[in-house]
Amino acid sequence: MLSFAPKEDPRVLRALRATAQAVVDELWEAGAIATVASLPCREPGCPPFETFVQILSADAPASCRLRVRPADATAADVAAAV
């Protein structure tokens, strides 16, 4: 499926992934990995893109949505969500 919607800056996603990984390193077992994606949101009141964080872990995998654009997400947002 082609999408002509503007994409989030890859540098923003890399920085947010590093932030998410730092949070995961503190809260999860060794070896857990954080991934971050920018997904389109079509729900009322949601920004055009929201942030999706997934924690890949053998013991307790998890995922969460942040209803803010990746550029607007903070370390506190990530820590509260995971």
PDB file of N, CA and C in Angstrom:
ATOM      1  N   MET A   1       0.836  -1.170   0.000  1.00  0.00           N
ATOM      2  CA  MET A   1       0.000   0.000   0.000  1.00  0.00           C
ATOM      3  C   MET A   1       0.887   1.240   0.000  1.00  0.00           C
ATOM      4  N   LEU A   2       0.648   2.112  -0.930  1.00  0.00           N
ATOM      5  CA  LEU A   2       1.416   3.348  -1.000  1.00  0.00           C
ATOM      6  C   LEU A   2       0.823   4.388  -0.067  1.00  0.00           C
ATOM      7  N   SER A   3       1.707   5.116   0.547  1.00  0.00           N
ATOM      8  CA  SER A   3       1.256   6.208   1.408  1.00  0.00           C
ATOM      9  C   SER A   3       2.028   7.457   1.026  1.00  0.00           C
ATOM     10  N   PHE A   4       1.301   8.534   0.809  1.00  0.00           N
ATOM     11  CA  PHE A   4       1.933   9.793   0.474  1.00  0.00           C
ATOM     12  C   PHE A   4       1.965  10.731   1.676  1.00  0.00           C
ATOM     13  N   ALA A   5       1.635  10.192   2.842  1.00  0.00           N
ATOM     14  CA  ALA A   5       1.664  10.989   4.068  1.00  0.00           C
ATOM     15  C   ALA A   5       3.112  11.293   4.428  1.00  0.00           C
ATOM     16  N   PRO A   6       3.362  12.439   5.020  1.00  0.00           N
ATOM     17  CA  PRO A   6       4.729  12.759   5.422  1.00  0.00           C
ATOM     18  C   PRO A   6       5.214  11.772   6.484  1.00  0.00           C
ATOM     19  N   LYS A   7       6.468  11.443   6.410  1.00  0.00           N
ATOM     20  CA  LYS A   7       7.062  10.496   7.357  1.00  0.00           C
ATOM     21  C   LYS A   7       7.791  11.253   8.457  1.00  0.00           C
ATOM     22  N   GLU A   8       7.959  10.583   9.578  1.00  0.00           N
ATOM     23  CA  GLU A   8       8.707  11.162  10.692  1.00  0.00           C
ATOM     24  C   GLU A   8      10.198  11.124  10.338  1.00  0.00           C
ATOM     25  N   ASP A   9      10.933  12.103  10.777  1.00  0.00           N
ATOM     26  CA  ASP A   9      12.371  12.189  10.520  1.00  0.00           C
ATOM     27  C   ASP A   9      13.064  10.978  11.154  1.00  0.00           C
ATOM     28  N   PRO A  10      13.852  10.218  10.388  1.00  0.00           N
ATOM     29  CA  PRO A  10      14.537   9.043  10.937  1.00  0.00           C
ATOM     30  C   PRO A  10      15.437   9.371  12.134  1.00  0.00           C
ATOM     31  N   ARG A  11      16.004  10.578  12.161  1.00  0.00           N
ATOM     32  CA  ARG A  11      16.849  10.963  13.295  1.00  0.00           C
ATOM     33  C   ARG A  11      16.030  11.055  14.577  1.00  0.00           C
ATOM     34  N   VAL A  12      14.798  11.511  14.456  1.00  0.00           N
ATOM     35  CA  VAL A  12      13.902  11.588  15.616  1.00  0.00           C
ATOM     36  C   VAL A  12      13.602  10.184  16.129  1.00  0.00           C
ATOM     37  N   LEU A  13      13.315   9.273  15.217  1.00  0.00           N
ATOM     38  CA  LEU A  13      13.017   7.894  15.623  1.00  0.00           C
ATOM     39  C   LEU A  13      14.230   7.223  16.258  1.00  0.00           C
ATOM     40  N   ARG A  14      15.419   7.463  15.725  1.00  0.00           N
ATOM     41  CA  ARG A  14      16.637   6.879  16.319  1.00  0.00           C
ATOM     42  C   ARG A  14      16.865   7.403  17.723  1.00  0.00           C
ATOM     43  N   ALA A  15      16.679   8.707  17.913  1.00  0.00           N
ATOM     44  CA  ALA A  15      16.873   9.289  19.245  1.00  0.00           C
ATOM     45  C   ALA A  15      15.845   8.752  20.229  1.00  0.00           C
ATOM     46  N   LEU A  16      14.605   8.616  19.787  1.00  0.00           N
ATOM     47  CA  LEU A  16      13.564   8.091  20.670  1.00  0.00           C
ATOM     48  C   LEU A  16      13.802   6.621  20.978  1.00  0.00           C
ATOM     49  N   ARG A  17      14.316   5.879  20.009  1.00  0.00           N
ATOM     50  CA  ARG A  17      14.641   4.477  20.263  1.00  0.00           C
ATOM     51  C   ARG A  17      15.746   4.361  21.309  1.00  0.00           C
ATOM     52  N   ALA A  18      16.745   5.224  21.231  1.00  0.00           N
ATOM     53  CA  ALA A  18      17.815   5.221  22.237  1.00  0.00           C
ATOM     54  C   ALA A  18      17.250   5.543  23.618  1.00  0.00           C
ATOM     55  N   THR A  19      16.322   6.483  23.677  1.00  0.00           N
ATOM     56  CA  THR A  19      15.672   6.819  24.946  1.00  0.00           C
ATOM     57  C   THR A  19      14.884   5.631  25.468  1.00  0.00           C
ATOM     58  N   ALA A  20      14.101   4.991  24.590  1.00  0.00           N
ATOM     59  CA  ALA A  20      13.313   3.827  24.995  1.00  0.00           C
ATOM     60  C   ALA A  20      14.218   2.688  25.451  1.00  0.00           C
ATOM     61  N   GLN A  21      15.332   2.502  24.758  1.00  0.00           N
ATOM     62  CA  GLN A  21      16.252   1.430  25.142  1.00  0.00           C
ATOM     63  C   GLN A  21      16.848   1.703  26.518  1.00  0.00           C
ATOM     64  N   ALA A  22      17.164   2.944  26.822  1.00  0.00           N
ATOM     65  CA  ALA A  22      17.693   3.282  28.147  1.00  0.00           C
ATOM     66  C   ALA A  22      16.668   2.964  29.240  1.00  0.00           C
ATOM     67  N   VAL A  23      15.399   3.269  28.977  1.00  0.00           N
ATOM     68  CA  VAL A  23      14.340   2.949  29.942  1.00  0.00           C
ATOM     69  C   VAL A  23      14.218   1.439  30.101  1.00  0.00           C
ATOM     70  N   VAL A  24      14.232   0.718  28.994  1.00  0.00           N
ATOM     71  CA  VAL A  24      14.117  -0.749  29.035  1.00  0.00           C
ATOM     72  C   VAL A  24      15.308  -1.360  29.766  1.00  0.00           C
ATOM     73  N   ASP A  25      16.501  -0.824  29.551  1.00  0.00           N
ATOM     74  CA  ASP A  25      17.684  -1.343  30.235  1.00  0.00           C
ATOM     75  C   ASP A  25      17.549  -1.241  31.752  1.00  0.00           C
ATOM     76  N   GLU A  26      16.851  -0.209  32.222  1.00  0.00           N
ATOM     77  CA  GLU A  26      16.649  -0.038  33.660  1.00  0.00           C
ATOM     78  C   GLU A  26      15.540  -0.927  34.199  1.00  0.00           C
ATOM     79  N   LEU A  27      14.489  -1.173  33.404  1.00  0.00           N
ATOM     80  CA  LEU A  27      13.290  -1.832  33.921  1.00  0.00           C
ATOM     81  C   LEU A  27      13.140  -3.302  33.546  1.00  0.00           C
ATOM     82  N   TRP A  28      13.799  -3.761  32.498  1.00  0.00           N
ATOM     83  CA  TRP A  28      13.651  -5.135  32.038  1.00  0.00           C
ATOM     84  C   TRP A  28      14.933  -5.915  32.279  1.00  0.00           C
ATOM     85  N   GLU A  29      14.858  -7.230  32.036  1.00  0.00           N
ATOM     86  CA  GLU A  29      16.039  -8.080  32.189  1.00  0.00           C
ATOM     87  C   GLU A  29      17.047  -7.782  31.078  1.00  0.00           C
ATOM     88  N   ALA A  30      18.270  -8.226  31.298  1.00  0.00           N
ATOM     89  CA  ALA A  30      19.321  -8.014  30.299  1.00  0.00           C
ATOM     90  C   ALA A  30      18.911  -8.670  28.984  1.00  0.00           C
ATOM     91  N   GLY A  31      19.197  -8.004  27.905  1.00  0.00           N
ATOM     92  CA  GLY A  31      18.903  -8.541  26.587  1.00  0.00           C
ATOM     93  C   GLY A  31      17.584  -8.081  25.996  1.00  0.00           C
ATOM     94  N   ALA A  32      16.754  -7.391  26.757  1.00  0.00           N
ATOM     95  CA  ALA A  32      15.497  -6.876  26.219  1.00  0.00           C
ATOM     96  C   ALA A  32      15.802  -5.751  25.230  1.00  0.00           C
ATOM     97  N   ILE A  33      15.040  -5.677  24.176  1.00  0.00           N
ATOM     98  CA  ILE A  33      15.287  -4.701  23.112  1.00  0.00           C
ATOM     99  C   ILE A  33      14.044  -3.838  22.910  1.00  0.00           C
ATOM    100  N   ALA A  34      14.256  -2.548  22.766  1.00  0.00           N
ATOM    101  CA  ALA A  34      13.158  -1.616  22.493  1.00  0.00           C
ATOM    102  C   ALA A  34      13.153  -1.259  21.012  1.00  0.00           C
ATOM    103  N   THR A  35      11.969  -1.227  20.434  1.00  0.00           N
ATOM    104  CA  THR A  35      11.805  -0.743  19.071  1.00  0.00           C
ATOM    105  C   THR A  35      10.782   0.390  19.097  1.00  0.00           C
ATOM    106  N   VAL A  36      10.914   1.310  18.174  1.00  0.00           N
ATOM    107  CA  VAL A  36      10.014   2.460  18.103  1.00  0.00           C
ATOM    108  C   VAL A  36       9.578   2.637  16.650  1.00  0.00           C
ATOM    109  N   ALA A  37       8.286   2.891  16.476  1.00  0.00           N
ATOM    110  CA  ALA A  37       7.754   3.132  15.135  1.00  0.00           C
ATOM    111  C   ALA A  37       6.774   4.295  15.181  1.00  0.00           C
ATOM    112  N   SER A  38       6.650   4.943  14.054  1.00  0.00           N
ATOM    113  CA  SER A  38       5.662   6.001  13.876  1.00  0.00           C
ATOM    114  C   SER A  38       4.551   5.426  13.011  1.00  0.00           C
ATOM    115  N   LEU A  39       3.328   5.398  13.559  1.00  0.00           N
ATOM    116  CA  LEU A  39       2.202   4.808  12.851  1.00  0.00           C
ATOM    117  C   LEU A  39       1.120   5.849  12.619  1.00  0.00           C
ATOM    118  N   PRO A  40       0.432   5.783  11.489  1.00  0.00           N
ATOM    119  CA  PRO A  40      -0.662   6.720  11.259  1.00  0.00           C
ATOM    120  C   PRO A  40      -1.797   6.462  12.246  1.00  0.00           C
ATOM    121  N   CYS A  41      -2.425   7.514  12.698  1.00  0.00           N
ATOM    122  CA  CYS A  41      -3.547   7.402  13.624  1.00  0.00           C
ATOM    123  C   CYS A  41      -4.741   8.118  13.007  1.00  0.00           C
ATOM    124  N   ARG A  42      -5.844   7.418  12.927  1.00  0.00           N
ATOM    125  CA  ARG A  42      -7.048   7.993  12.319  1.00  0.00           C
ATOM    126  C   ARG A  42      -8.173   8.179  13.323  1.00  0.00           C
ATOM    127  N   GLU A  43      -7.882   8.024  14.598  1.00  0.00           N
ATOM    128  CA  GLU A  43      -8.898   8.205  15.627  1.00  0.00           C
ATOM    129  C   GLU A  43      -9.081   9.694  15.914  1.00  0.00           C
ATOM    130  N   PRO A  44     -10.292  10.098  16.292  1.00  0.00           N
ATOM    131  CA  PRO A  44     -10.524  11.516  16.614  1.00  0.00           C
ATOM    132  C   PRO A  44      -9.626  11.995  17.754  1.00  0.00           C
ATOM    133  N   GLY A  45      -9.064  13.172  17.606  1.00  0.00           N
ATOM    134  CA  GLY A  45      -8.226  13.753  18.644  1.00  0.00           C
ATOM    135  C   GLY A  45      -6.793  13.252  18.657  1.00  0.00           C
ATOM    136  N   CYS A  46      -6.471  12.330  17.808  1.00  0.00           N
ATOM    137  CA  CYS A  46      -5.129  11.763  17.743  1.00  0.00           C
ATOM    138  C   CYS A  46      -4.326  12.555  16.707  1.00  0.00           C
ATOM    139  N   PRO A  47      -3.017  12.744  16.943  1.00  0.00           N
ATOM    140  CA  PRO A  47      -2.211  13.421  15.919  1.00  0.00           C
ATOM    141  C   PRO A  47      -2.128  12.546  14.667  1.00  0.00           C
ATOM    142  N   PRO A  48      -1.708  13.091  13.544  1.00  0.00           N
ATOM    143  CA  PRO A  48      -1.636  12.299  12.313  1.00  0.00           C
ATOM    144  C   PRO A  48      -0.780  11.034  12.466  1.00  0.00           C
ATOM    145  N   PHE A  49       0.251  11.127  13.298  1.00  0.00           N
ATOM    146  CA  PHE A  49       1.087   9.964  13.586  1.00  0.00           C
ATOM    147  C   PHE A  49       1.194   9.818  15.089  1.00  0.00           C
ATOM    148  N   GLU A  50       1.186   8.569  15.554  1.00  0.00           N
ATOM    149  CA  GLU A  50       1.410   8.300  16.969  1.00  0.00           C
ATOM    150  C   GLU A  50       2.654   7.431  17.089  1.00  0.00           C
ATOM    151  N   THR A  51       3.133   7.291  18.298  1.00  0.00           N
ATOM    152  CA  THR A  51       4.356   6.549  18.552  1.00  0.00           C
ATOM    153  C   THR A  51       4.011   5.181  19.125  1.00  0.00           C
ATOM    154  N   PHE A  52       4.596   4.144  18.568  1.00  0.00           N
ATOM    155  CA  PHE A  52       4.392   2.780  19.032  1.00  0.00           C
ATOM    156  C   PHE A  52       5.731   2.264  19.544  1.00  0.00           C
ATOM    157  N   VAL A  53       5.753   1.815  20.801  1.00  0.00           N
ATOM    158  CA  VAL A  53       6.970   1.272  21.411  1.00  0.00           C
ATOM    159  C   VAL A  53       6.729  -0.198  21.706  1.00  0.00           C
ATOM    160  N   GLN A  54       7.656  -1.037  21.290  1.00  0.00           N
ATOM    161  CA  GLN A  54       7.557  -2.467  21.545  1.00  0.00           C
ATOM    162  C   GLN A  54       8.812  -2.925  22.259  1.00  0.00           C
ATOM    163  N   ILE A  55       8.625  -3.752  23.287  1.00  0.00           N
ATOM    164  CA  ILE A  55       9.754  -4.315  24.022  1.00  0.00           C
ATOM    165  C   ILE A  55       9.823  -5.800  23.684  1.00  0.00           C
ATOM    166  N   LEU A  56      10.928  -6.196  23.089  1.00  0.00           N
ATOM    167  CA  LEU A  56      11.155  -7.587  22.726  1.00  0.00           C
ATOM    168  C   LEU A  56      11.927  -8.239  23.856  1.00  0.00           C
ATOM    169  N   SER A  57      11.275  -9.180  24.526  1.00  0.00           N
ATOM    170  CA  SER A  57      11.858  -9.817  25.691  1.00  0.00           C
ATOM    171  C   SER A  57      11.346 -11.243  25.768  1.00  0.00           C
ATOM    172  N   ALA A  58      12.225 -12.166  26.126  1.00  0.00           N
ATOM    173  CA  ALA A  58      11.809 -13.563  26.260  1.00  0.00           C
ATOM    174  C   ALA A  58      10.858 -13.742  27.442  1.00  0.00           C
ATOM    175  N   ASP A  59      11.062 -12.985  28.514  1.00  0.00           N
ATOM    176  CA  ASP A  59      10.267 -13.164  29.729  1.00  0.00           C
ATOM    177  C   ASP A  59       8.966 -12.381  29.730  1.00  0.00           C
ATOM    178  N   ALA A  60       8.990 -11.139  29.286  1.00  0.00           N
ATOM    179  CA  ALA A  60       7.803 -10.290  29.383  1.00  0.00           C
ATOM    180  C   ALA A  60       7.739  -9.298  28.226  1.00  0.00           C
ATOM    181  N   PRO A  61       7.402  -9.763  27.017  1.00  0.00           N
ATOM    182  CA  PRO A  61       7.287  -8.824  25.910  1.00  0.00           C
ATOM    183  C   PRO A  61       6.123  -7.859  26.162  1.00  0.00           C
ATOM    184  N   ALA A  62       6.237  -6.672  25.641  1.00  0.00           N
ATOM    185  CA  ALA A  62       5.194  -5.664  25.867  1.00  0.00           C
ATOM    186  C   ALA A  62       5.171  -4.683  24.700  1.00  0.00           C
ATOM    187  N   SER A  63       4.072  -3.960  24.597  1.00  0.00           N
ATOM    188  CA  SER A  63       3.972  -2.890  23.613  1.00  0.00           C
ATOM    189  C   SER A  63       3.050  -1.816  24.162  1.00  0.00           C
ATOM    190  N   CYS A  64       3.234  -0.610  23.666  1.00  0.00           N
ATOM    191  CA  CYS A  64       2.385   0.496  24.113  1.00  0.00           C
ATOM    192  C   CYS A  64       2.321   1.551  23.019  1.00  0.00           C
ATOM    193  N   ARG A  65       1.256   2.350  23.081  1.00  0.00           N
ATOM    194  CA  ARG A  65       1.064   3.465  22.157  1.00  0.00           C
ATOM    195  C   ARG A  65       1.166   4.762  22.935  1.00  0.00           C
ATOM    196  N   LEU A  66       1.848   5.703  22.347  1.00  0.00           N
ATOM    197  CA  LEU A  66       1.895   7.055  22.892  1.00  0.00           C
ATOM    198  C   LEU A  66       1.120   7.926  21.914  1.00  0.00           C
ATOM    199  N   ARG A  67       0.137   8.609  22.371  1.00  0.00           N
ATOM    200  CA  ARG A  67      -0.704   9.418  21.473  1.00  0.00           C
ATOM    201  C   ARG A  67      -0.087  10.787  21.213  1.00  0.00           C
ATOM    202  N   VAL A  68       1.192  10.756  20.918  1.00  0.00           N
ATOM    203  CA  VAL A  68       1.920  11.952  20.508  1.00  0.00           C
ATOM    204  C   VAL A  68       2.831  11.559  19.353  1.00  0.00           C
ATOM    205  N   ARG A  69       3.191  12.526  18.552  1.00  0.00           N
ATOM    206  CA  ARG A  69       4.147  12.269  17.475  1.00  0.00           C
ATOM    207  C   ARG A  69       5.493  11.909  18.096  1.00  0.00           C
ATOM    208  N   PRO A  70       6.296  11.103  17.421  1.00  0.00           N
ATOM    209  CA  PRO A  70       7.616  10.772  17.953  1.00  0.00           C
ATOM    210  C   PRO A  70       8.451  12.004  18.285  1.00  0.00           C
ATOM    211  N   ALA A  71       8.320  13.061  17.497  1.00  0.00           N
ATOM    212  CA  ALA A  71       9.089  14.281  17.761  1.00  0.00           C
ATOM    213  C   ALA A  71       8.671  14.938  19.069  1.00  0.00           C
ATOM    214  N   ASP A  72       7.451  14.675  19.530  1.00  0.00           N
ATOM    215  CA  ASP A  72       6.943  15.288  20.755  1.00  0.00           C
ATOM    216  C   ASP A  72       7.031  14.368  21.972  1.00  0.00           C
ATOM    217  N   ALA A  73       7.406  13.109  21.777  1.00  0.00           N
ATOM    218  CA  ALA A  73       7.495  12.151  22.888  1.00  0.00           C
ATOM    219  C   ALA A  73       8.737  12.442  23.726  1.00  0.00           C
ATOM    220  N   THR A  74       8.603  12.289  25.029  1.00  0.00           N
ATOM    221  CA  THR A  74       9.718  12.509  25.944  1.00  0.00           C
ATOM    222  C   THR A  74      10.100  11.213  26.645  1.00  0.00           C
ATOM    223  N   ALA A  75      11.231  11.232  27.326  1.00  0.00           N
ATOM    224  CA  ALA A  75      11.652  10.064  28.097  1.00  0.00           C
ATOM    225  C   ALA A  75      10.622   9.746  29.173  1.00  0.00           C
ATOM    226  N   ALA A  76      10.023  10.770  29.771  1.00  0.00           N
ATOM    227  CA  ALA A  76       8.996  10.549  30.790  1.00  0.00           C
ATOM    228  C   ALA A  76       7.771   9.870  30.183  1.00  0.00           C
ATOM    229  N   ASP A  77       7.398  10.240  28.952  1.00  0.00           N
ATOM    230  CA  ASP A  77       6.276   9.590  28.273  1.00  0.00           C
ATOM    231  C   ASP A  77       6.556   8.094  28.085  1.00  0.00           C
ATOM    232  N   VAL A  78       7.756   7.791  27.623  1.00  0.00           N
ATOM    233  CA  VAL A  78       8.141   6.397  27.375  1.00  0.00           C
ATOM    234  C   VAL A  78       8.165   5.621  28.687  1.00  0.00           C
ATOM    235  N   ALA A  79       8.779   6.182  29.722  1.00  0.00           N
ATOM    236  CA  ALA A  79       8.870   5.486  31.006  1.00  0.00           C
ATOM    237  C   ALA A  79       7.475   5.230  31.590  1.00  0.00           C
ATOM    238  N   ALA A  80       6.579   6.195  31.469  1.00  0.00           N
ATOM    239  CA  ALA A  80       5.222   6.017  32.004  1.00  0.00           C
ATOM    240  C   ALA A  80       4.453   4.950  31.219  1.00  0.00           C
ATOM    241  N   ALA A  81       4.715   4.855  29.934  1.00  0.00           N
ATOM    242  CA  ALA A  81       3.972   3.917  29.090  1.00  0.00           C
ATOM    243  C   ALA A  81       4.430   2.478  29.265  1.00  0.00           C
ATOM    244  N   VAL A  82       5.726   2.290  29.466  1.00  0.00           N
ATOM    245  CA  VAL A  82       6.220   0.916  29.580  1.00  0.00           C
ATOM    246  C   VAL A  82       6.232   0.492  31.022  1.00  0.00           C
TER     247      VAL A  82
END
